[in-house]
């Protein structure tokens, strides 16, 4: 698992992190991980699969529609390009 070192952190910030960690009953390192996770992976982020499923529901796409599309699809392997 990757490790991160944070340099030049002010004493005030370090103290605030320690206090916040104590309030949440975890170590300072665990608190920093939680803060970073919340910052880069917010709960309301767009999830592609969920977004596509929602779009399908809105337009009324059914399993029968998907099966029809699959039947009409060319399943043969593509011919590679020739550069001759």
N, C-alpha and C. Protein backbone atom coordinates (compact mmCIF):
# COMPACT_ATOMS: atom_id res chain seq x y z
N UNK A 1 0.84 -1.17 0.00
CA UNK A 1 0.00 0.00 0.00
C UNK A 1 0.90 1.24 0.00
N UNK A 2 0.56 2.25 -0.79
CA UNK A 2 1.39 3.45 -0.86
C UNK A 2 1.42 4.21 0.47
N UNK A 3 2.51 4.89 0.69
CA UNK A 3 2.66 5.73 1.88
C UNK A 3 2.89 7.16 1.43
N UNK A 4 2.43 8.10 2.22
CA UNK A 4 2.56 9.53 1.90
C UNK A 4 3.20 10.22 3.08
N UNK A 5 4.15 11.11 2.80
CA UNK A 5 4.77 11.92 3.84
C UNK A 5 4.36 13.36 3.61
N UNK A 6 3.91 14.02 4.66
CA UNK A 6 3.53 15.43 4.55
C UNK A 6 4.57 16.25 5.30
N UNK A 7 5.26 17.09 4.56
CA UNK A 7 6.31 17.91 5.15
C UNK A 7 5.79 19.33 5.42
N UNK A 8 6.45 20.00 6.31
CA UNK A 8 6.20 21.42 6.62
C UNK A 8 4.76 21.67 7.09
N UNK A 9 4.21 20.73 7.82
CA UNK A 9 2.89 20.91 8.42
C UNK A 9 3.07 21.77 9.66
N UNK A 10 2.27 22.81 9.77
CA UNK A 10 2.43 23.72 10.92
C UNK A 10 2.06 23.00 12.22
N UNK A 11 2.63 23.48 13.30
CA UNK A 11 2.34 22.90 14.62
C UNK A 11 0.84 23.02 14.94
N UNK A 12 0.25 24.16 14.56
CA UNK A 12 -1.17 24.39 14.83
C UNK A 12 -2.04 23.36 14.09
N UNK A 13 -1.70 23.10 12.84
CA UNK A 13 -2.45 22.13 12.05
C UNK A 13 -2.29 20.74 12.64
N UNK A 14 -1.08 20.39 13.03
CA UNK A 14 -0.84 19.07 13.61
C UNK A 14 -1.62 18.89 14.91
N UNK A 15 -1.63 19.93 15.75
CA UNK A 15 -2.39 19.88 16.99
C UNK A 15 -3.89 19.73 16.70
N UNK A 16 -4.38 20.49 15.71
CA UNK A 16 -5.80 20.42 15.36
C UNK A 16 -6.16 19.02 14.85
N UNK A 17 -5.26 18.40 14.10
CA UNK A 17 -5.50 17.04 13.62
C UNK A 17 -5.57 16.06 14.79
N UNK A 18 -4.68 16.23 15.76
CA UNK A 18 -4.67 15.34 16.91
C UNK A 18 -5.96 15.49 17.72
N UNK A 19 -6.43 16.72 17.87
CA UNK A 19 -7.67 16.96 18.61
C UNK A 19 -8.85 16.34 17.86
N UNK A 20 -8.89 16.58 16.55
CA UNK A 20 -9.98 16.03 15.74
C UNK A 20 -9.97 14.50 15.78
N UNK A 21 -8.78 13.90 15.72
CA UNK A 21 -8.66 12.44 15.78
C UNK A 21 -9.19 11.93 17.13
N UNK A 22 -8.85 12.61 18.20
CA UNK A 22 -9.31 12.21 19.53
C UNK A 22 -10.84 12.30 19.62
N UNK A 23 -11.41 13.33 19.00
CA UNK A 23 -12.86 13.49 19.02
C UNK A 23 -13.56 12.34 18.28
N UNK A 24 -12.88 11.78 17.27
CA UNK A 24 -13.45 10.68 16.50
C UNK A 24 -12.94 9.31 16.98
N UNK A 25 -12.23 9.31 18.09
CA UNK A 25 -11.70 8.07 18.68
C UNK A 25 -10.84 7.27 17.71
N UNK A 26 -9.94 7.95 17.02
CA UNK A 26 -9.00 7.25 16.14
C UNK A 26 -7.64 7.93 16.19
N UNK A 27 -6.65 7.27 15.59
CA UNK A 27 -5.30 7.82 15.59
C UNK A 27 -5.23 9.01 14.64
N UNK A 28 -4.18 9.79 14.78
CA UNK A 28 -3.98 10.94 13.89
C UNK A 28 -3.84 10.46 12.45
N UNK A 29 -3.12 9.38 12.26
CA UNK A 29 -2.95 8.83 10.91
C UNK A 29 -4.29 8.39 10.32
N UNK A 30 -5.11 7.72 11.11
CA UNK A 30 -6.43 7.29 10.63
C UNK A 30 -7.30 8.50 10.32
N UNK A 31 -7.18 9.55 11.11
CA UNK A 31 -7.95 10.77 10.86
C UNK A 31 -7.53 11.42 9.54
N UNK A 32 -6.23 11.45 9.28
CA UNK A 32 -5.74 12.02 8.01
C UNK A 32 -6.24 11.19 6.83
N UNK A 33 -6.25 9.86 6.98
CA UNK A 33 -6.78 9.00 5.90
C UNK A 33 -8.26 9.31 5.65
N UNK A 34 -9.02 9.47 6.73
CA UNK A 34 -10.45 9.76 6.58
C UNK A 34 -10.67 11.10 5.90
N UNK A 35 -9.89 12.09 6.25
CA UNK A 35 -10.00 13.42 5.63
C UNK A 35 -9.68 13.34 4.15
N UNK A 36 -8.60 12.65 3.80
CA UNK A 36 -8.21 12.52 2.39
C UNK A 36 -9.26 11.74 1.59
N UNK A 37 -9.77 10.64 2.17
CA UNK A 37 -10.81 9.86 1.49
C UNK A 37 -12.03 10.72 1.21
N UNK A 38 -12.47 11.49 2.19
CA UNK A 38 -13.65 12.33 2.03
C UNK A 38 -13.42 13.41 0.97
N UNK A 39 -12.19 13.89 0.88
CA UNK A 39 -11.88 14.96 -0.07
C UNK A 39 -11.82 14.47 -1.51
N UNK A 40 -11.25 13.30 -1.73
CA UNK A 40 -11.06 12.84 -3.11
C UNK A 40 -12.11 11.84 -3.57
N UNK A 41 -12.88 11.27 -2.65
CA UNK A 41 -13.93 10.32 -3.02
C UNK A 41 -15.23 10.72 -2.34
N UNK A 42 -15.78 11.86 -2.74
CA UNK A 42 -17.02 12.32 -2.08
C UNK A 42 -18.17 11.35 -2.32
N UNK A 43 -19.10 11.31 -1.37
CA UNK A 43 -20.21 10.38 -1.44
C UNK A 43 -21.10 10.63 -2.65
N UNK A 44 -21.24 11.88 -3.06
CA UNK A 44 -22.13 12.22 -4.16
C UNK A 44 -21.48 12.14 -5.53
N UNK A 45 -20.37 11.43 -5.66
CA UNK A 45 -19.68 11.38 -6.95
C UNK A 45 -20.49 10.58 -7.96
N UNK A 46 -20.30 10.88 -9.21
CA UNK A 46 -21.02 10.20 -10.28
C UNK A 46 -20.47 8.80 -10.46
N UNK A 47 -21.36 7.84 -10.45
CA UNK A 47 -20.98 6.45 -10.72
C UNK A 47 -21.58 6.09 -12.06
N UNK A 48 -20.72 5.75 -13.00
CA UNK A 48 -21.13 5.57 -14.38
C UNK A 48 -22.23 4.53 -14.54
N UNK A 49 -22.09 3.38 -13.92
CA UNK A 49 -23.10 2.34 -14.05
C UNK A 49 -24.46 2.79 -13.53
N UNK A 50 -24.46 3.47 -12.39
CA UNK A 50 -25.71 3.97 -11.82
C UNK A 50 -26.33 5.03 -12.72
N UNK A 51 -25.48 5.90 -13.28
CA UNK A 51 -25.98 6.95 -14.17
C UNK A 51 -26.60 6.35 -15.43
N UNK A 52 -25.95 5.34 -16.01
CA UNK A 52 -26.49 4.70 -17.21
C UNK A 52 -27.80 3.97 -16.92
N UNK A 53 -27.88 3.30 -15.78
CA UNK A 53 -29.11 2.60 -15.40
C UNK A 53 -30.25 3.60 -15.22
N UNK A 54 -29.96 4.73 -14.59
CA UNK A 54 -30.98 5.76 -14.39
C UNK A 54 -31.46 6.32 -15.73
N UNK A 55 -30.53 6.57 -16.65
CA UNK A 55 -30.90 7.07 -17.97
C UNK A 55 -31.79 6.06 -18.69
N UNK A 56 -31.47 4.78 -18.58
CA UNK A 56 -32.26 3.73 -19.22
C UNK A 56 -33.67 3.70 -18.66
N UNK A 57 -33.79 3.85 -17.33
CA UNK A 57 -35.12 3.86 -16.71
C UNK A 57 -35.93 5.06 -17.18
N UNK A 58 -35.26 6.22 -17.30
CA UNK A 58 -35.97 7.43 -17.71
C UNK A 58 -36.54 7.32 -19.12
N UNK A 59 -35.81 6.68 -20.02
CA UNK A 59 -36.31 6.58 -21.40
C UNK A 59 -37.15 5.33 -21.60
N UNK A 60 -37.27 4.51 -20.57
CA UNK A 60 -38.13 3.33 -20.64
C UNK A 60 -37.50 2.13 -21.33
N UNK A 61 -36.18 2.04 -21.34
CA UNK A 61 -35.49 0.91 -21.95
C UNK A 61 -35.75 -0.34 -21.12
N UNK A 62 -36.13 -1.42 -21.79
CA UNK A 62 -36.42 -2.67 -21.09
C UNK A 62 -35.40 -3.74 -21.46
N UNK A 63 -35.43 -4.86 -20.74
CA UNK A 63 -34.54 -5.97 -21.06
C UNK A 63 -34.82 -6.49 -22.47
N UNK A 64 -36.08 -6.46 -22.88
CA UNK A 64 -36.44 -6.92 -24.23
C UNK A 64 -35.78 -6.02 -25.28
N UNK A 65 -35.71 -4.72 -24.99
CA UNK A 65 -35.04 -3.79 -25.92
C UNK A 65 -33.56 -4.12 -26.04
N UNK A 66 -32.94 -4.39 -24.92
CA UNK A 66 -31.51 -4.71 -24.93
C UNK A 66 -31.27 -6.02 -25.69
N UNK A 67 -32.13 -7.01 -25.47
CA UNK A 67 -32.00 -8.28 -26.18
C UNK A 67 -32.14 -8.09 -27.69
N UNK A 68 -33.06 -7.23 -28.11
CA UNK A 68 -33.24 -6.94 -29.53
C UNK A 68 -31.99 -6.29 -30.10
N UNK A 69 -31.42 -5.36 -29.36
CA UNK A 69 -30.18 -4.70 -29.82
C UNK A 69 -29.04 -5.71 -29.94
N UNK A 70 -28.95 -6.63 -28.98
CA UNK A 70 -27.90 -7.65 -29.00
C UNK A 70 -28.05 -8.57 -30.22
N UNK A 71 -29.28 -8.91 -30.57
CA UNK A 71 -29.52 -9.79 -31.73
C UNK A 71 -29.06 -9.14 -33.03
N UNK A 72 -29.21 -7.84 -33.13
CA UNK A 72 -28.85 -7.14 -34.35
C UNK A 72 -27.37 -6.79 -34.45
N UNK A 73 -26.63 -7.05 -33.39
CA UNK A 73 -25.21 -6.70 -33.36
C UNK A 73 -24.38 -7.73 -34.13
N UNK A 74 -23.40 -7.24 -34.86
CA UNK A 74 -22.49 -8.13 -35.60
C UNK A 74 -21.50 -8.72 -34.61
N UNK A 75 -21.51 -10.03 -34.44
CA UNK A 75 -20.65 -10.69 -33.45
C UNK A 75 -19.38 -11.27 -34.06
N UNK A 76 -19.21 -11.08 -35.36
CA UNK A 76 -17.98 -11.60 -35.99
C UNK A 76 -16.77 -10.79 -35.51
N UNK A 77 -15.65 -11.44 -35.45
CA UNK A 77 -14.42 -10.76 -35.06
C UNK A 77 -14.05 -9.72 -36.12
N UNK A 78 -13.55 -8.61 -35.68
CA UNK A 78 -13.16 -7.55 -36.61
C UNK A 78 -11.91 -7.97 -37.38
N UNK A 79 -11.85 -7.56 -38.61
CA UNK A 79 -10.65 -7.83 -39.43
C UNK A 79 -9.59 -6.78 -39.05
N UNK A 80 -8.37 -7.24 -38.83
CA UNK A 80 -7.31 -6.29 -38.50
C UNK A 80 -7.00 -5.40 -39.70
N UNK A 81 -6.54 -4.19 -39.41
CA UNK A 81 -6.14 -3.27 -40.47
C UNK A 81 -4.89 -3.81 -41.15
N UNK A 82 -4.81 -3.57 -42.46
CA UNK A 82 -3.62 -3.98 -43.22
C UNK A 82 -2.92 -2.73 -43.72
N UNK A 83 -1.66 -2.63 -43.44
CA UNK A 83 -0.87 -1.48 -43.87
C UNK A 83 0.13 -1.92 -44.94
N UNK A 84 -0.38 -2.27 -46.08
CA UNK A 84 0.50 -2.76 -47.16
C UNK A 84 0.58 -1.77 -48.28
